[in-house]
Amino acid sequence: MKIFLLLMRNPLTLLRTTARVILRAMVPTALLCGMGIASVQAAPTIPWPAGWEVGNGPPLTNSSGEAVQGSQVIATKRGPPGILAAISVWTLARPANSPERLQEGLRALINATVENNKKQGLGTRCTPVAQTRAGGLPALSAGCDTSRSKDGVQTMRQIITMTSSKSAIYVLTYYAAPRSFDTYKGNFDALSQHIQLP
């Protein structure tokens, strides 16, 4: 639990890394180098669970440091001794006529999660990518468990779900301490089912 609290002390750090990985994986290199990205036509309608604190993340930027169209929102569930779980929803503009690259994007995100955790002395095991649905759209999802490399003590569990429409890419992520994971997973499942994705 202590390691999870350290990881989630600033949950936006995790989410900022997530955005860069997704942008690199799913948007052509030329666009990331400064050509710009099409605007998101409409934001999703998100049924946030009651009793969670909701806030916006920092602006998204590409590899050149330029702003790109998109948004990030995170909800946290707090209780003794701090953050017990978090849900993030990313909306990233999808360039017109770009190919759907969910499989590549999700695998890149998982690989980056594993590498970033490794740098912190943490090991990560993820399930195979599986088909699911989010907001009524076909989606891909995987679960990852993080543990301390030195003793194998589990520190965090998460679910990453990715889907897309013609105008946007959506990433829904659930983070929780191991003992809180099952308690609040239903909130994430309900959000994934009922979110309205334009």
N, C-alpha and C. Protein backbone atom coordinates (compact mmCIF):
# COMPACT_ATOMS: atom_id res chain seq x y z
N MET A 1 0.82 -1.21 0.00
CA MET A 1 0.00 0.00 0.00
C MET A 1 0.86 1.26 0.00
N LYS A 2 1.98 1.24 0.75
CA LYS A 2 2.83 2.42 0.81
C LYS A 2 3.41 2.75 -0.55
N ILE A 3 3.84 1.70 -1.31
CA ILE A 3 4.41 1.94 -2.62
C ILE A 3 3.34 2.51 -3.56
N PHE A 4 2.12 2.00 -3.48
CA PHE A 4 1.05 2.52 -4.31
C PHE A 4 0.82 4.00 -4.02
N LEU A 5 0.84 4.38 -2.74
CA LEU A 5 0.63 5.77 -2.37
C LEU A 5 1.74 6.66 -2.92
N LEU A 6 2.97 6.14 -2.94
CA LEU A 6 4.08 6.91 -3.52
C LEU A 6 3.88 7.08 -5.02
N LEU A 7 3.45 6.01 -5.71
CA LEU A 7 3.22 6.09 -7.14
C LEU A 7 2.10 7.07 -7.47
N MET A 8 1.08 7.12 -6.59
CA MET A 8 -0.08 7.96 -6.86
C MET A 8 -0.01 9.31 -6.16
N ARG A 9 1.14 9.62 -5.52
CA ARG A 9 1.26 10.91 -4.86
C ARG A 9 0.98 12.03 -5.84
N ASN A 10 1.47 11.87 -7.07
CA ASN A 10 1.12 12.79 -8.14
C ASN A 10 0.67 11.95 -9.33
N PRO A 11 -0.59 11.53 -9.36
CA PRO A 11 -1.06 10.63 -10.42
C PRO A 11 -0.94 11.23 -11.81
N LEU A 12 -0.86 12.56 -11.92
CA LEU A 12 -0.74 13.16 -13.23
C LEU A 12 0.59 12.84 -13.89
N THR A 13 1.62 12.50 -13.08
CA THR A 13 2.90 12.09 -13.65
C THR A 13 2.72 10.82 -14.46
N LEU A 14 1.97 9.87 -13.92
CA LEU A 14 1.68 8.65 -14.65
C LEU A 14 0.90 8.95 -15.93
N LEU A 15 -0.07 9.84 -15.82
CA LEU A 15 -0.92 10.12 -16.96
C LEU A 15 -0.19 10.88 -18.05
N ARG A 16 0.73 11.77 -17.66
CA ARG A 16 1.51 12.51 -18.65
C ARG A 16 2.35 11.55 -19.49
N THR A 17 2.96 10.58 -18.83
CA THR A 17 3.73 9.56 -19.55
C THR A 17 2.84 8.78 -20.48
N THR A 18 1.65 8.43 -20.01
CA THR A 18 0.70 7.69 -20.83
C THR A 18 0.38 8.44 -22.11
N ALA A 19 0.14 9.73 -22.02
CA ALA A 19 -0.24 10.52 -23.20
C ALA A 19 0.85 10.50 -24.25
N ARG A 20 2.10 10.70 -23.83
CA ARG A 20 3.19 10.74 -24.80
C ARG A 20 3.35 9.39 -25.51
N VAL A 21 3.20 8.31 -24.76
CA VAL A 21 3.32 6.99 -25.36
C VAL A 21 2.23 6.77 -26.41
N ILE A 22 1.01 7.13 -26.07
CA ILE A 22 -0.10 6.92 -27.00
C ILE A 22 0.08 7.77 -28.24
N LEU A 23 0.48 9.02 -28.06
CA LEU A 23 0.67 9.90 -29.21
C LEU A 23 1.73 9.35 -30.15
N ARG A 24 2.84 8.86 -29.60
CA ARG A 24 3.91 8.33 -30.44
C ARG A 24 3.47 7.05 -31.16
N ALA A 25 2.67 6.25 -30.49
CA ALA A 25 2.28 4.95 -31.05
C ALA A 25 1.20 5.08 -32.11
N MET A 26 0.29 6.03 -31.94
CA MET A 26 -0.92 6.04 -32.75
C MET A 26 -1.02 7.18 -33.74
N VAL A 27 -0.09 8.14 -33.66
CA VAL A 27 -0.13 9.27 -34.57
C VAL A 27 1.12 9.26 -35.42
N PRO A 28 1.03 9.44 -36.73
CA PRO A 28 2.20 9.42 -37.59
C PRO A 28 3.29 10.36 -37.11
N THR A 29 4.55 9.94 -37.30
CA THR A 29 5.70 10.72 -36.84
C THR A 29 5.68 12.14 -37.36
N ALA A 30 5.29 12.33 -38.60
CA ALA A 30 5.27 13.67 -39.17
C ALA A 30 4.37 14.61 -38.38
N LEU A 31 3.25 14.09 -37.92
CA LEU A 31 2.34 14.91 -37.14
C LEU A 31 2.94 15.27 -35.80
N LEU A 32 3.62 14.29 -35.17
CA LEU A 32 4.24 14.55 -33.88
C LEU A 32 5.35 15.58 -33.98
N CYS A 33 5.94 15.72 -35.13
CA CYS A 33 7.05 16.66 -35.31
C CYS A 33 6.58 18.06 -35.66
N GLY A 34 5.28 18.30 -35.63
CA GLY A 34 4.86 19.68 -35.74
C GLY A 34 3.79 20.00 -36.76
N MET A 35 3.24 19.01 -37.45
CA MET A 35 2.24 19.31 -38.47
C MET A 35 0.86 19.57 -37.88
N GLY A 36 0.69 19.27 -36.60
CA GLY A 36 -0.59 19.53 -35.97
C GLY A 36 -1.51 18.33 -36.04
N ILE A 37 -2.54 18.35 -35.22
CA ILE A 37 -3.49 17.24 -35.14
C ILE A 37 -4.90 17.81 -35.20
N ALA A 38 -5.77 17.12 -35.88
CA ALA A 38 -7.14 17.60 -36.04
C ALA A 38 -7.83 17.77 -34.70
N SER A 39 -8.81 18.65 -34.65
CA SER A 39 -9.51 18.93 -33.41
C SER A 39 -10.45 17.80 -33.03
N VAL A 40 -10.59 17.59 -31.73
CA VAL A 40 -11.60 16.66 -31.23
C VAL A 40 -12.95 17.33 -31.42
N GLN A 41 -13.86 16.65 -32.10
CA GLN A 41 -15.14 17.27 -32.42
C GLN A 41 -16.03 17.42 -31.19
N ALA A 42 -15.95 16.48 -30.26
CA ALA A 42 -16.79 16.56 -29.08
C ALA A 42 -16.16 15.73 -27.97
N ALA A 43 -16.31 16.21 -26.76
CA ALA A 43 -15.77 15.50 -25.61
C ALA A 43 -16.74 14.39 -25.20
N PRO A 44 -16.21 13.31 -24.62
CA PRO A 44 -17.10 12.24 -24.16
C PRO A 44 -17.91 12.68 -22.94
N THR A 45 -19.06 12.07 -22.79
CA THR A 45 -19.87 12.28 -21.60
C THR A 45 -19.52 11.17 -20.62
N ILE A 46 -18.92 11.54 -19.49
CA ILE A 46 -18.35 10.54 -18.58
C ILE A 46 -19.19 10.43 -17.31
N PRO A 47 -19.73 9.24 -17.01
CA PRO A 47 -20.53 9.05 -15.79
C PRO A 47 -19.62 8.77 -14.59
N TRP A 48 -18.97 9.80 -14.07
CA TRP A 48 -18.04 9.60 -12.96
C TRP A 48 -18.77 9.03 -11.74
N PRO A 49 -18.13 8.09 -11.04
CA PRO A 49 -18.78 7.52 -9.85
C PRO A 49 -18.92 8.55 -8.73
N ALA A 50 -19.99 8.43 -7.98
CA ALA A 50 -20.23 9.35 -6.86
C ALA A 50 -19.15 9.17 -5.80
N GLY A 51 -18.75 10.28 -5.20
CA GLY A 51 -17.78 10.22 -4.11
C GLY A 51 -16.33 10.24 -4.56
N TRP A 52 -16.08 10.41 -5.86
CA TRP A 52 -14.72 10.49 -6.38
C TRP A 52 -14.41 11.95 -6.70
N GLU A 53 -13.15 12.35 -6.50
CA GLU A 53 -12.71 13.70 -6.84
C GLU A 53 -12.27 13.73 -8.30
N VAL A 54 -12.81 14.67 -9.06
CA VAL A 54 -12.54 14.74 -10.50
C VAL A 54 -11.80 16.04 -10.83
N GLY A 55 -10.75 15.93 -11.64
CA GLY A 55 -10.01 17.11 -12.04
C GLY A 55 -9.37 16.92 -13.41
N ASN A 56 -9.01 18.04 -14.05
CA ASN A 56 -8.37 17.99 -15.36
C ASN A 56 -6.86 17.85 -15.22
N GLY A 57 -6.26 17.15 -16.17
CA GLY A 57 -4.81 17.02 -16.21
C GLY A 57 -4.20 18.19 -16.98
N PRO A 58 -2.86 18.23 -17.07
CA PRO A 58 -2.18 19.31 -17.79
C PRO A 58 -2.40 19.19 -19.29
N PRO A 59 -2.15 20.27 -20.05
CA PRO A 59 -2.31 20.24 -21.50
C PRO A 59 -1.42 19.17 -22.14
N LEU A 60 -1.89 18.60 -23.24
CA LEU A 60 -1.13 17.58 -23.96
C LEU A 60 -0.17 18.25 -24.94
N THR A 61 1.02 17.69 -25.08
CA THR A 61 1.99 18.20 -26.03
C THR A 61 2.58 17.04 -26.84
N ASN A 62 3.10 17.36 -28.04
CA ASN A 62 3.75 16.33 -28.85
C ASN A 62 5.23 16.29 -28.53
N SER A 63 6.00 15.51 -29.30
CA SER A 63 7.41 15.33 -29.02
C SER A 63 8.22 16.61 -29.22
N SER A 64 7.63 17.60 -29.92
CA SER A 64 8.30 18.89 -30.12
C SER A 64 7.88 19.92 -29.08
N GLY A 65 7.04 19.49 -28.14
CA GLY A 65 6.59 20.40 -27.09
C GLY A 65 5.42 21.27 -27.49
N GLU A 66 4.85 21.02 -28.67
CA GLU A 66 3.72 21.80 -29.14
C GLU A 66 2.41 21.20 -28.64
N ALA A 67 1.45 22.07 -28.38
CA ALA A 67 0.16 21.61 -27.88
C ALA A 67 -0.58 20.82 -28.96
N VAL A 68 -1.26 19.76 -28.54
CA VAL A 68 -2.09 18.98 -29.45
C VAL A 68 -3.51 18.95 -28.90
N GLN A 69 -4.45 18.67 -29.78
CA GLN A 69 -5.84 18.65 -29.38
C GLN A 69 -6.16 17.38 -28.59
N GLY A 70 -6.76 17.56 -27.44
CA GLY A 70 -7.12 16.42 -26.62
C GLY A 70 -7.37 16.86 -25.20
N SER A 71 -7.76 15.94 -24.37
CA SER A 71 -8.02 16.27 -22.96
C SER A 71 -7.73 15.06 -22.10
N GLN A 72 -7.48 15.31 -20.84
CA GLN A 72 -7.26 14.25 -19.87
C GLN A 72 -7.97 14.62 -18.57
N VAL A 73 -8.73 13.67 -18.07
CA VAL A 73 -9.46 13.89 -16.83
C VAL A 73 -9.19 12.70 -15.92
N ILE A 74 -8.99 12.98 -14.63
CA ILE A 74 -8.72 11.90 -13.68
C ILE A 74 -9.63 12.04 -12.47
N ALA A 75 -10.14 10.90 -12.03
CA ALA A 75 -10.94 10.86 -10.81
C ALA A 75 -10.20 10.00 -9.79
N THR A 76 -10.15 10.45 -8.55
CA THR A 76 -9.48 9.70 -7.49
C THR A 76 -10.44 9.40 -6.36
N LYS A 77 -10.29 8.22 -5.80
CA LYS A 77 -11.05 7.82 -4.62
C LYS A 77 -10.12 7.86 -3.42
N ARG A 78 -10.46 8.70 -2.47
CA ARG A 78 -9.60 8.88 -1.30
C ARG A 78 -10.22 8.27 -0.05
N GLY A 79 -9.34 7.91 0.85
CA GLY A 79 -9.74 7.38 2.14
C GLY A 79 -8.47 7.04 2.88
N PRO A 80 -8.55 6.79 4.17
CA PRO A 80 -7.33 6.47 4.91
C PRO A 80 -6.59 5.31 4.25
N PRO A 81 -5.29 5.46 3.95
CA PRO A 81 -4.39 6.57 4.29
C PRO A 81 -4.18 7.57 3.16
N GLY A 82 -4.98 7.58 2.11
CA GLY A 82 -4.76 8.50 1.00
C GLY A 82 -5.54 8.06 -0.22
N ILE A 83 -4.92 8.12 -1.40
CA ILE A 83 -5.58 7.68 -2.63
C ILE A 83 -5.67 6.16 -2.65
N LEU A 84 -6.89 5.65 -2.80
CA LEU A 84 -7.11 4.20 -2.85
C LEU A 84 -7.20 3.69 -4.28
N ALA A 85 -7.70 4.54 -5.18
CA ALA A 85 -7.87 4.14 -6.57
C ALA A 85 -8.00 5.39 -7.43
N ALA A 86 -7.78 5.22 -8.73
CA ALA A 86 -7.92 6.34 -9.67
C ALA A 86 -8.40 5.82 -11.01
N ILE A 87 -9.17 6.65 -11.70
CA ILE A 87 -9.64 6.36 -13.05
C ILE A 87 -9.28 7.55 -13.92
N SER A 88 -8.65 7.29 -15.06
CA SER A 88 -8.34 8.38 -15.98
C SER A 88 -9.01 8.12 -17.32
N VAL A 89 -9.40 9.21 -17.98
CA VAL A 89 -9.99 9.13 -19.31
C VAL A 89 -9.24 10.12 -20.21
N TRP A 90 -8.62 9.60 -21.26
CA TRP A 90 -7.93 10.41 -22.24
C TRP A 90 -8.78 10.51 -23.49
N THR A 91 -8.82 11.70 -24.07
CA THR A 91 -9.41 11.89 -25.39
C THR A 91 -8.34 12.53 -26.25
N LEU A 92 -7.88 11.83 -27.27
CA LEU A 92 -6.83 12.32 -28.15
C LEU A 92 -7.37 12.44 -29.57
N ALA A 93 -7.18 13.60 -30.18
CA ALA A 93 -7.68 13.81 -31.53
C ALA A 93 -7.03 12.82 -32.49
N ARG A 94 -7.83 12.29 -33.37
CA ARG A 94 -7.35 11.33 -34.37
C ARG A 94 -7.30 12.02 -35.73
N PRO A 95 -6.13 12.05 -36.37
CA PRO A 95 -6.03 12.71 -37.67
C PRO A 95 -7.00 12.12 -38.67
N ALA A 96 -7.52 12.97 -39.53
CA ALA A 96 -8.48 12.51 -40.54
C ALA A 96 -7.86 11.42 -41.41
N ASN A 97 -8.65 10.38 -41.67
CA ASN A 97 -8.25 9.27 -42.55
C ASN A 97 -7.05 8.48 -42.03
N SER A 98 -6.73 8.62 -40.75
CA SER A 98 -5.62 7.84 -40.20
C SER A 98 -6.08 6.41 -39.91
N PRO A 99 -5.19 5.43 -40.03
CA PRO A 99 -5.58 4.04 -39.77
C PRO A 99 -5.83 3.82 -38.28
N GLU A 100 -6.71 2.88 -37.99
CA GLU A 100 -6.94 2.52 -36.60
C GLU A 100 -5.81 1.59 -36.15
N ARG A 101 -5.05 2.02 -35.15
CA ARG A 101 -3.88 1.27 -34.72
C ARG A 101 -3.98 0.96 -33.22
N LEU A 102 -5.11 0.46 -32.81
CA LEU A 102 -5.32 0.20 -31.39
C LEU A 102 -4.36 -0.85 -30.85
N GLN A 103 -4.18 -1.92 -31.59
CA GLN A 103 -3.31 -3.00 -31.12
C GLN A 103 -1.90 -2.47 -30.89
N GLU A 104 -1.38 -1.72 -31.85
CA GLU A 104 -0.04 -1.16 -31.74
C GLU A 104 0.04 -0.15 -30.60
N GLY A 105 -0.97 0.68 -30.50
CA GLY A 105 -0.97 1.70 -29.45
C GLY A 105 -1.02 1.11 -28.06
N LEU A 106 -1.88 0.12 -27.85
CA LEU A 106 -2.00 -0.48 -26.53
C LEU A 106 -0.74 -1.25 -26.16
N ARG A 107 -0.17 -1.97 -27.11
CA ARG A 107 1.07 -2.71 -26.82
C ARG A 107 2.22 -1.75 -26.50
N ALA A 108 2.28 -0.63 -27.21
CA ALA A 108 3.32 0.37 -26.92
C ALA A 108 3.13 0.94 -25.52
N LEU A 109 1.89 1.18 -25.14
CA LEU A 109 1.60 1.71 -23.82
C LEU A 109 1.99 0.71 -22.72
N ILE A 110 1.67 -0.56 -22.95
CA ILE A 110 2.04 -1.58 -21.99
C ILE A 110 3.55 -1.69 -21.86
N ASN A 111 4.25 -1.69 -23.00
CA ASN A 111 5.71 -1.78 -22.96
C ASN A 111 6.32 -0.60 -22.22
N ALA A 112 5.77 0.60 -22.43
CA ALA A 112 6.29 1.78 -21.73
C ALA A 112 6.02 1.70 -20.23
N THR A 113 4.86 1.17 -19.87
CA THR A 113 4.53 1.00 -18.45
C THR A 113 5.53 0.06 -17.78
N VAL A 114 5.84 -1.04 -18.45
CA VAL A 114 6.81 -2.00 -17.92
C VAL A 114 8.18 -1.35 -17.75
N GLU A 115 8.63 -0.61 -18.76
CA GLU A 115 9.96 0.01 -18.71
C GLU A 115 10.03 1.11 -17.67
N ASN A 116 9.00 1.93 -17.56
CA ASN A 116 8.99 3.01 -16.57
C ASN A 116 9.00 2.45 -15.15
N ASN A 117 8.23 1.39 -14.93
CA ASN A 117 8.22 0.77 -13.60
C ASN A 117 9.57 0.14 -13.27
N LYS A 118 10.20 -0.45 -14.28
CA LYS A 118 11.50 -1.09 -14.07
C LYS A 118 12.52 -0.08 -13.57
N LYS A 119 12.47 1.15 -14.07
CA LYS A 119 13.39 2.19 -13.65
C LYS A 119 13.19 2.56 -12.18
N GLN A 120 12.02 2.27 -11.65
CA GLN A 120 11.71 2.56 -10.25
C GLN A 120 11.89 1.33 -9.36
N GLY A 121 12.51 0.28 -9.90
CA GLY A 121 12.72 -0.92 -9.11
C GLY A 121 11.48 -1.77 -8.96
N LEU A 122 10.58 -1.67 -9.93
CA LEU A 122 9.33 -2.40 -9.88
C LEU A 122 9.21 -3.33 -11.08
N GLY A 123 8.65 -4.49 -10.84
CA GLY A 123 8.39 -5.44 -11.91
C GLY A 123 6.92 -5.37 -12.32
N THR A 124 6.62 -5.61 -13.59
CA THR A 124 5.24 -5.53 -14.08
C THR A 124 4.92 -6.71 -14.96
N ARG A 125 3.80 -7.35 -14.68
CA ARG A 125 3.30 -8.44 -15.52
C ARG A 125 1.93 -8.05 -16.04
N CYS A 126 1.74 -8.20 -17.35
CA CYS A 126 0.49 -7.81 -17.97
C CYS A 126 -0.17 -8.99 -18.66
N THR A 127 -1.47 -8.99 -18.68
CA THR A 127 -2.23 -10.04 -19.34
C THR A 127 -2.16 -9.82 -20.85
N PRO A 128 -2.45 -10.85 -21.64
CA PRO A 128 -2.55 -10.64 -23.09
C PRO A 128 -3.66 -9.64 -23.41
N VAL A 129 -3.49 -8.93 -24.50
CA VAL A 129 -4.50 -7.98 -24.95
C VAL A 129 -5.76 -8.74 -25.34
N ALA A 130 -6.90 -8.27 -24.87
CA ALA A 130 -8.17 -8.95 -25.14
C ALA A 130 -9.18 -7.97 -25.72
N GLN A 131 -10.11 -8.50 -26.49
CA GLN A 131 -11.18 -7.67 -27.05
C GLN A 131 -12.23 -7.42 -26.00
N THR A 132 -12.76 -6.20 -25.99
CA THR A 132 -13.83 -5.84 -25.08
C THR A 132 -14.64 -4.73 -25.74
N ARG A 133 -15.44 -4.02 -24.97
CA ARG A 133 -16.20 -2.88 -25.50
C ARG A 133 -16.12 -1.74 -24.49
N ALA A 134 -16.16 -0.52 -25.01
CA ALA A 134 -16.18 0.67 -24.15
C ALA A 134 -17.10 1.69 -24.81
N GLY A 135 -18.08 2.14 -24.08
CA GLY A 135 -19.02 3.09 -24.64
C GLY A 135 -19.74 2.59 -25.86
N GLY A 136 -19.92 1.28 -25.94
CA GLY A 136 -20.60 0.69 -27.08
C GLY A 136 -19.72 0.46 -28.28
N LEU A 137 -18.43 0.82 -28.20
CA LEU A 137 -17.51 0.64 -29.32
C LEU A 137 -16.59 -0.56 -29.07
N PRO A 138 -16.15 -1.24 -30.12
CA PRO A 138 -15.14 -2.29 -29.94
C PRO A 138 -13.88 -1.68 -29.33
N ALA A 139 -13.27 -2.40 -28.41
CA ALA A 139 -12.09 -1.89 -27.70
C ALA A 139 -11.12 -3.02 -27.40
N LEU A 140 -9.92 -2.65 -27.01
CA LEU A 140 -8.92 -3.61 -26.56
C LEU A 140 -8.55 -3.27 -25.13
N SER A 141 -8.21 -4.31 -24.35
CA SER A 141 -7.92 -4.08 -22.94
C SER A 141 -6.88 -5.06 -22.43
N ALA A 142 -6.14 -4.64 -21.42
CA ALA A 142 -5.17 -5.51 -20.75
C ALA A 142 -5.07 -5.09 -19.29
N GLY A 143 -4.69 -6.03 -18.45
CA GLY A 143 -4.47 -5.73 -17.04
C GLY A 143 -3.00 -5.90 -16.70
N CYS A 144 -2.51 -5.07 -15.79
CA CYS A 144 -1.11 -5.14 -15.38
C CYS A 144 -1.01 -5.11 -13.86
N ASP A 145 -0.16 -5.97 -13.33
CA ASP A 145 0.13 -6.00 -11.89
C ASP A 145 1.57 -5.58 -11.68
N THR A 146 1.79 -4.67 -10.75
CA THR A 146 3.12 -4.15 -10.45
C THR A 146 3.55 -4.62 -9.07
N SER A 147 4.81 -5.03 -8.96
CA SER A 147 5.34 -5.49 -7.68
C SER A 147 6.77 -5.03 -7.51
N ARG A 148 7.26 -5.03 -6.26
CA ARG A 148 8.65 -4.66 -5.99
C ARG A 148 9.56 -5.76 -6.48
N SER A 149 10.59 -5.38 -7.22
CA SER A 149 11.50 -6.38 -7.78
C SER A 149 12.26 -7.13 -6.69
N LYS A 150 12.57 -6.45 -5.59
CA LYS A 150 13.43 -7.06 -4.58
C LYS A 150 12.75 -8.16 -3.78
N ASP A 151 11.43 -8.06 -3.58
CA ASP A 151 10.77 -9.06 -2.75
C ASP A 151 9.45 -9.58 -3.33
N GLY A 152 9.05 -9.04 -4.48
CA GLY A 152 7.83 -9.53 -5.13
C GLY A 152 6.53 -9.06 -4.52
N VAL A 153 6.58 -8.12 -3.56
CA VAL A 153 5.36 -7.61 -2.93
C VAL A 153 4.57 -6.78 -3.94
N GLN A 154 3.31 -7.14 -4.14
CA GLN A 154 2.47 -6.44 -5.11
C GLN A 154 2.16 -5.04 -4.62
N THR A 155 2.27 -4.05 -5.53
CA THR A 155 2.09 -2.65 -5.13
C THR A 155 0.94 -1.95 -5.84
N MET A 156 0.62 -2.36 -7.06
CA MET A 156 -0.45 -1.70 -7.80
C MET A 156 -1.02 -2.64 -8.85
N ARG A 157 -2.32 -2.49 -9.11
CA ARG A 157 -2.96 -3.21 -10.20
C ARG A 157 -3.65 -2.19 -11.09
N GLN A 158 -3.71 -2.46 -12.38
CA GLN A 158 -4.36 -1.52 -13.28
C GLN A 158 -4.97 -2.24 -14.48
N ILE A 159 -5.94 -1.56 -15.08
CA ILE A 159 -6.58 -2.01 -16.31
C ILE A 159 -6.46 -0.87 -17.31
N ILE A 160 -6.05 -1.18 -18.53
CA ILE A 160 -5.94 -0.17 -19.58
C ILE A 160 -6.86 -0.59 -20.73
N THR A 161 -7.77 0.28 -21.11
CA THR A 161 -8.70 0.00 -22.21
C THR A 161 -8.57 1.11 -23.25
N MET A 162 -8.51 0.72 -24.51
CA MET A 162 -8.34 1.69 -25.59
C MET A 162 -9.36 1.42 -26.69
N THR A 163 -9.97 2.51 -27.16
CA THR A 163 -10.90 2.41 -28.28
C THR A 163 -10.79 3.68 -29.11
N SER A 164 -11.51 3.74 -30.23
CA SER A 164 -11.45 4.94 -31.05
C SER A 164 -12.73 5.10 -31.87
N SER A 165 -13.00 6.34 -32.21
CA SER A 165 -14.07 6.68 -33.14
C SER A 165 -13.40 7.29 -34.38
N LYS A 166 -14.18 7.85 -35.29
CA LYS A 166 -13.60 8.45 -36.48
C LYS A 166 -12.78 9.69 -36.16
N SER A 167 -13.10 10.36 -35.03
CA SER A 167 -12.45 11.63 -34.72
C SER A 167 -11.50 11.59 -33.53
N ALA A 168 -11.53 10.53 -32.74
CA ALA A 168 -10.73 10.55 -31.51
C ALA A 168 -10.31 9.16 -31.07
N ILE A 169 -9.26 9.14 -30.25
CA ILE A 169 -8.79 7.93 -29.59
C ILE A 169 -9.10 8.10 -28.10
N TYR A 170 -9.61 7.07 -27.48
CA TYR A 170 -9.97 7.14 -26.06
C TYR A 170 -9.20 6.08 -25.28
N VAL A 171 -8.66 6.47 -24.15
CA VAL A 171 -7.95 5.54 -23.27
C VAL A 171 -8.54 5.67 -21.87
N LEU A 172 -9.06 4.57 -21.37
CA LEU A 172 -9.62 4.51 -20.02
C LEU A 172 -8.70 3.64 -19.18
N THR A 173 -8.25 4.16 -18.05
CA THR A 173 -7.32 3.42 -17.21
C THR A 173 -7.80 3.42 -15.76
N TYR A 174 -7.69 2.28 -15.13
CA TYR A 174 -8.05 2.12 -13.73
C TYR A 174 -6.81 1.70 -12.96
N TYR A 175 -6.45 2.47 -11.93
CA TYR A 175 -5.32 2.16 -11.05
C TYR A 175 -5.84 1.93 -9.64
N ALA A 176 -5.30 0.95 -8.93
CA ALA A 176 -5.72 0.75 -7.56
C ALA A 176 -4.66 -0.01 -6.77
N ALA A 177 -4.64 0.24 -5.46
CA ALA A 177 -3.84 -0.58 -4.57
C ALA A 177 -4.41 -2.00 -4.60
N PRO A 178 -3.58 -3.02 -4.44
CA PRO A 178 -4.08 -4.40 -4.53
C PRO A 178 -5.30 -4.67 -3.65
N ARG A 179 -5.29 -4.17 -2.43
CA ARG A 179 -6.41 -4.49 -1.54
C ARG A 179 -7.67 -3.68 -1.87
N SER A 180 -7.52 -2.63 -2.69
CA SER A 180 -8.67 -1.81 -3.09
C SER A 180 -9.18 -2.15 -4.48
N PHE A 181 -8.44 -2.97 -5.21
CA PHE A 181 -8.73 -3.20 -6.63
C PHE A 181 -10.15 -3.73 -6.84
N ASP A 182 -10.50 -4.80 -6.18
CA ASP A 182 -11.82 -5.40 -6.37
C ASP A 182 -12.94 -4.51 -5.83
N THR A 183 -12.64 -3.74 -4.78
CA THR A 183 -13.64 -2.88 -4.16
C THR A 183 -14.17 -1.83 -5.13
N TYR A 184 -13.27 -1.25 -5.92
CA TYR A 184 -13.66 -0.13 -6.78
C TYR A 184 -13.69 -0.47 -8.27
N LYS A 185 -13.36 -1.72 -8.61
CA LYS A 185 -13.36 -2.10 -10.03
C LYS A 185 -14.74 -1.95 -10.66
N GLY A 186 -15.78 -2.18 -9.89
CA GLY A 186 -17.14 -2.04 -10.41
C GLY A 186 -17.43 -0.63 -10.90
N ASN A 187 -16.82 0.36 -10.24
CA ASN A 187 -16.98 1.75 -10.68
C ASN A 187 -16.38 1.95 -12.07
N PHE A 188 -15.22 1.34 -12.30
CA PHE A 188 -14.58 1.45 -13.60
C PHE A 188 -15.37 0.69 -14.66
N ASP A 189 -15.85 -0.49 -14.31
CA ASP A 189 -16.64 -1.28 -15.26
C ASP A 189 -17.89 -0.51 -15.70
N ALA A 190 -18.57 0.12 -14.72
CA ALA A 190 -19.78 0.87 -15.04
C ALA A 190 -19.47 2.08 -15.91
N LEU A 191 -18.38 2.77 -15.59
CA LEU A 191 -17.98 3.92 -16.40
C LEU A 191 -17.65 3.49 -17.83
N SER A 192 -16.92 2.39 -17.97
CA SER A 192 -16.54 1.91 -19.30
C SER A 192 -17.79 1.54 -20.12
N GLN A 193 -18.78 0.99 -19.46
CA GLN A 193 -19.99 0.56 -20.15
C GLN A 193 -20.86 1.73 -20.57
N HIS A 194 -20.96 2.74 -19.70
CA HIS A 194 -21.95 3.80 -19.93
C HIS A 194 -21.37 5.11 -20.46
N ILE A 195 -20.04 5.21 -20.58
CA ILE A 195 -19.46 6.42 -21.14
C ILE A 195 -19.98 6.63 -22.57
N GLN A 196 -20.26 7.87 -22.92
CA GLN A 196 -20.77 8.17 -24.25
C GLN A 196 -19.64 8.78 -25.07
N LEU A 197 -19.23 8.05 -26.10
CA LEU A 197 -18.10 8.46 -26.93
C LEU A 197 -18.60 8.95 -28.28
N PRO A 198 -18.42 10.23 -28.57
CA PRO A 198 -18.93 10.79 -29.84
C PRO A 198 -18.14 10.27 -31.05
